C-alpha atoms as a PDB file:
ATOM      1  CA  UNK A   1     130.523  94.060  98.243  1.00  0.00           C
ATOM      2  CA  UNK A   2     127.314  95.752  97.063  1.00  0.00           C
ATOM      3  CA  UNK A   3     125.702  92.341  96.484  1.00  0.00           C
ATOM      4  CA  UNK A   4     126.616  91.218 100.017  1.00  0.00           C
ATOM      5  CA  UNK A   5     125.148  94.383 101.552  1.00  0.00           C
ATOM      6  CA  UNK A   6     122.012  93.967  99.413  1.00  0.00           C
ATOM      7  CA  UNK A   7     121.668  90.346 100.522  1.00  0.00           C
ATOM      8  CA  UNK A   8     122.068  91.212 104.213  1.00  0.00           C
ATOM      9  CA  UNK A   9     119.686  94.174 104.118  1.00  0.00           C
ATOM     10  CA  UNK A  10     117.150  92.136 102.134  1.00  0.00           C
ATOM     11  CA  UNK A  11     117.392  89.381 104.740  1.00  0.00           C
ATOM     12  CA  UNK A  12     116.870  91.902 107.549  1.00  0.00           C
ATOM     13  CA  UNK A  13     113.881  93.332 105.675  1.00  0.00           C
ATOM     14  CA  UNK A  14     112.364  89.862 105.283  1.00  0.00           C
ATOM     15  CA  UNK A  15     113.003  89.051 108.943  1.00  0.00           C
ATOM     16  CA  UNK A  16     111.346  92.326 109.944  1.00  0.00           C
ATOM     17  CA  UNK A  17     108.319  91.476 107.802  1.00  0.00           C
ATOM     18  CA  UNK A  18     108.084  88.054 109.413  1.00  0.00           C
ATOM     19  CA  UNK A  19     108.457  89.323 112.995  1.00  0.00           C
ATOM     20  CA  UNK A  20     105.989  92.197 112.464  1.00  0.00           C
ATOM     21  CA  UNK A  21     103.296  89.921 111.064  1.00  0.00           C
ATOM     22  CA  UNK A  22     103.275  91.474 107.596  1.00  0.00           C
ATOM     23  CA  UNK A  23     103.510  87.987 106.043  1.00  0.00           C
ATOM     24  CA  UNK A  24     100.303  86.907 107.835  1.00  0.00           C
ATOM     25  CA  UNK A  25      97.507  87.592 105.352  1.00  0.00           C
ATOM     26  CA  UNK A  26      94.864  87.564 108.100  1.00  0.00           C
ATOM     27  CA  UNK A  27      96.706  90.275 110.028  1.00  0.00           C
ATOM     28  CA  UNK A  28      97.069  92.440 106.912  1.00  0.00           C
ATOM     29  CA  UNK A  29      93.429  91.997 105.927  1.00  0.00           C
ATOM     30  CA  UNK A  30      92.457  92.772 109.535  1.00  0.00           C
ATOM     31  CA  UNK A  31      94.367  96.063 109.208  1.00  0.00           C
ATOM     32  CA  UNK A  32      92.425  96.884 106.030  1.00  0.00           C
ATOM     33  CA  UNK A  33      89.035  95.933 107.535  1.00  0.00           C
ATOM     34  CA  UNK A  34      88.334  99.317 109.147  1.00  0.00           C
ATOM     35  CA  UNK A  35      84.572  98.713 109.300  1.00  0.00           C
ATOM     36  CA  UNK A  36      84.811  95.204 110.756  1.00  0.00           C
ATOM     37  CA  UNK A  37      87.274  93.515 113.091  1.00  0.00           C
ATOM     38  CA  UNK A  38      89.986  96.153 112.642  1.00  0.00           C
ATOM     39  CA  UNK A  39      93.527  95.343 113.773  1.00  0.00           C
ATOM     40  CA  UNK A  40      95.515  98.606 114.155  1.00  0.00           C
ATOM     41  CA  UNK A  41      98.860  96.977 115.041  1.00  0.00           C
ATOM     42  CA  UNK A  42     100.304  97.321 111.536  1.00  0.00           C
ATOM     43  CA  UNK A  43     100.137 101.112 111.917  1.00  0.00           C
ATOM     44  CA  UNK A  44     103.105 100.737 114.264  1.00  0.00           C
ATOM     45  CA  UNK A  45     104.932  98.666 111.643  1.00  0.00           C
ATOM     46  CA  UNK A  46     104.339 101.380 109.045  1.00  0.00           C
ATOM     47  CA  UNK A  47     105.405 104.095 111.461  1.00  0.00           C
ATOM     48  CA  UNK A  48     108.459 102.056 112.344  1.00  0.00           C
ATOM     49  CA  UNK A  49     109.393 102.089 108.664  1.00  0.00           C
ATOM     50  CA  UNK A  50     108.368 105.607 107.653  1.00  0.00           C
ATOM     51  CA  UNK A  51     110.002 107.505 110.520  1.00  0.00           C
ATOM     52  CA  UNK A  52     113.549 106.112 110.114  1.00  0.00           C
ATOM     53  CA  UNK A  53     113.299 106.379 106.322  1.00  0.00           C
ATOM     54  CA  UNK A  54     112.301 110.054 106.555  1.00  0.00           C
ATOM     55  CA  UNK A  55     115.301 110.662 108.825  1.00  0.00           C
ATOM     56  CA  UNK A  56     117.579 108.727 106.440  1.00  0.00           C
ATOM     57  CA  UNK A  57     116.429 110.777 103.420  1.00  0.00           C
ATOM     58  CA  UNK A  58     117.145 114.015 105.314  1.00  0.00           C
ATOM     59  CA  UNK A  59     120.567 112.651 106.325  1.00  0.00           C
ATOM     60  CA  UNK A  60     121.526 111.945 102.691  1.00  0.00           C
ATOM     61  CA  UNK A  61     121.280 115.589 101.628  1.00  0.00           C
ATOM     62  CA  UNK A  62     124.731 116.705 100.534  1.00  0.00           C
ATOM     63  CA  UNK A  63     126.313 113.296 101.176  1.00  0.00           C
ATOM     64  CA  UNK A  64     127.672 110.552  98.930  1.00  0.00           C
ATOM     65  CA  UNK A  65     126.727 106.892  99.429  1.00  0.00           C
ATOM     66  CA  UNK A  66     129.431 104.361 100.257  1.00  0.00           C
ATOM     67  CA  UNK A  67     128.487 101.759  97.630  1.00  0.00           C
ATOM     68  CA  UNK A  68     127.164 103.892  94.749  1.00  0.00           C
ATOM     69  CA  UNK A  69     128.003 107.013  92.792  1.00  0.00           C
ATOM     70  CA  UNK A  70     124.988 108.963  94.058  1.00  0.00           C
ATOM     71  CA  UNK A  71     121.726 108.583  95.922  1.00  0.00           C
ATOM     72  CA  UNK A  72     118.642 108.237  93.710  1.00  0.00           C
ATOM     73  CA  UNK A  73     116.853 111.476  93.000  1.00  0.00           C
ATOM     74  CA  UNK A  74     113.530 111.920  94.793  1.00  0.00           C
ATOM     75  CA  UNK A  75     110.508 111.209  92.621  1.00  0.00           C
ATOM     76  CA  UNK A  76     108.580 114.057  91.073  1.00  0.00           C
ATOM     77  CA  UNK A  77     105.836 115.073  93.542  1.00  0.00           C
ATOM     78  CA  UNK A  78     103.232 115.221  90.752  1.00  0.00           C
ATOM     79  CA  UNK A  79     100.120 113.078  91.071  1.00  0.00           C
ATOM     80  CA  UNK A  80      99.328 111.693  87.640  1.00  0.00           C
ATOM     81  CA  UNK A  81      97.306 108.965  86.009  1.00  0.00           C
ATOM     82  CA  UNK A  82     100.041 106.338  86.311  1.00  0.00           C
ATOM     83  CA  UNK A  83     100.476 106.960  90.046  1.00  0.00           C
ATOM     84  CA  UNK A  84      96.731 106.791  90.711  1.00  0.00           C
ATOM     85  CA  UNK A  85      96.189 103.646  88.613  1.00  0.00           C
ATOM     86  CA  UNK A  86      99.246 101.954  90.115  1.00  0.00           C
ATOM     87  CA  UNK A  87      98.160 102.834  93.649  1.00  0.00           C
ATOM     88  CA  UNK A  88      94.653 101.507  93.064  1.00  0.00           C
ATOM     89  CA  UNK A  89      95.986  98.273  91.543  1.00  0.00           C
ATOM     90  CA  UNK A  90      98.461  97.819  94.416  1.00  0.00           C
ATOM     91  CA  UNK A  91      95.745  98.474  97.006  1.00  0.00           C
ATOM     92  CA  UNK A  92      93.312  96.071  95.360  1.00  0.00           C
ATOM     93  CA  UNK A  93      95.916  93.312  95.243  1.00  0.00           C
ATOM     94  CA  UNK A  94      96.955  93.989  98.827  1.00  0.00           C
ATOM     95  CA  UNK A  95      93.362  93.931 100.046  1.00  0.00           C
ATOM     96  CA  UNK A  96      92.357  90.811  98.099  1.00  0.00           C
ATOM     97  CA  UNK A  97      95.460  88.733  98.771  1.00  0.00           C
ATOM     98  CA  UNK A  98      96.629  90.263 102.045  1.00  0.00           C
ATOM     99  CA  UNK A  99     100.157  90.457 100.636  1.00  0.00           C
ATOM    100  CA  UNK A 100     102.303  92.996  98.858  1.00  0.00           C
ATOM    101  CA  UNK A 101     105.541  92.153  97.001  1.00  0.00           C
ATOM    102  CA  UNK A 102     107.977  92.111  99.942  1.00  0.00           C
ATOM    103  CA  UNK A 103     105.863  89.967 102.266  1.00  0.00           C
ATOM    104  CA  UNK A 104     104.868  87.699  99.348  1.00  0.00           C
ATOM    105  CA  UNK A 105     108.506  86.841  98.708  1.00  0.00           C
ATOM    106  CA  UNK A 106     109.190  86.454 102.437  1.00  0.00           C
ATOM    107  CA  UNK A 107     106.156  84.169 102.796  1.00  0.00           C
ATOM    108  CA  UNK A 108     107.685  81.710 100.316  1.00  0.00           C
ATOM    109  CA  UNK A 109     110.153  80.708 103.028  1.00  0.00           C
ATOM    110  CA  UNK A 110     107.528  78.918 105.099  1.00  0.00           C
ATOM    111  CA  UNK A 111     105.526  77.246 102.340  1.00  0.00           C
ATOM    112  CA  UNK A 112     101.903  77.496 101.436  1.00  0.00           C
ATOM    113  CA  UNK A 113     100.350  77.748  98.019  1.00  0.00           C
ATOM    114  CA  UNK A 114      98.866  81.233  98.577  1.00  0.00           C
ATOM    115  CA  UNK A 115     102.201  83.035  98.516  1.00  0.00           C
ATOM    116  CA  UNK A 116     103.289  81.130  95.416  1.00  0.00           C
ATOM    117  CA  UNK A 117     100.057  81.935  93.567  1.00  0.00           C
ATOM    118  CA  UNK A 118     100.434  85.592  94.511  1.00  0.00           C
ATOM    119  CA  UNK A 119     104.064  85.621  93.372  1.00  0.00           C
ATOM    120  CA  UNK A 120     103.161  84.120  89.972  1.00  0.00           C
ATOM    121  CA  UNK A 121     100.333  86.654  89.535  1.00  0.00           C
ATOM    122  CA  UNK A 122     102.640  89.496  90.577  1.00  0.00           C
ATOM    123  CA  UNK A 123     105.322  88.411  88.089  1.00  0.00           C
ATOM    124  CA  UNK A 124     102.687  88.112  85.338  1.00  0.00           C
ATOM    125  CA  UNK A 125     101.551  91.651  86.126  1.00  0.00           C
ATOM    126  CA  UNK A 126     105.140  92.893  85.982  1.00  0.00           C
ATOM    127  CA  UNK A 127     105.601  91.282  82.555  1.00  0.00           C
ATOM    128  CA  UNK A 128     102.275  92.564  81.159  1.00  0.00           C
ATOM    129  CA  UNK A 129     102.358  96.092  82.576  1.00  0.00           C
ATOM    130  CA  UNK A 130     104.930  97.703  80.205  1.00  0.00           C
ATOM    131  CA  UNK A 131     102.949  96.643  77.136  1.00  0.00           C
ATOM    132  CA  UNK A 132      99.637  97.717  78.639  1.00  0.00           C
ATOM    133  CA  UNK A 133     101.106 101.020  79.763  1.00  0.00           C
ATOM    134  CA  UNK A 134     102.512 101.714  76.291  1.00  0.00           C
ATOM    135  CA  UNK A 135      99.106 100.904  74.777  1.00  0.00           C
ATOM    136  CA  UNK A 136      97.206 103.153  77.156  1.00  0.00           C
ATOM    137  CA  UNK A 137      99.763 105.969  76.913  1.00  0.00           C
ATOM    138  CA  UNK A 138      99.439 106.003  73.114  1.00  0.00           C
ATOM    139  CA  UNK A 139      95.637 105.731  73.214  1.00  0.00           C
ATOM    140  CA  UNK A 140      95.066 108.229  76.033  1.00  0.00           C
ATOM    141  CA  UNK A 141      98.006 110.618  76.489  1.00  0.00           C
ATOM    142  CA  UNK A 142      98.402 111.821  80.071  1.00  0.00           C
ATOM    143  CA  UNK A 143      97.480 115.437  80.651  1.00  0.00           C
END
């Protein structure tokens, strides 16, 4: 049952990305181009995601999920090296390619080499990151 719910919610997420324009790299790059031809419409997409999620997180307090033993614990609110480096890397990839992981996967459904190239690069980064992180953590311990 959990797999079916995951499949349906993932499909709804992908459909939402497609309808909102988040799979259109020009629209995303237009959102990021604040000093040029700025397109503010994706602010409504972000607000449309953040507001219900904030309400959902508040609603989960003291409740038990239907398909799991417990809700995940909120992340530690500490800003550290890993968060900053990860955020910068994510932002650079988003700005250069105009895609982030969810829209990249959704964009595969309508073809085009750009989404496939991004997906391969993203998967390579996911494979390489644990080794690089272990190397950097041992060389430069976080303070």
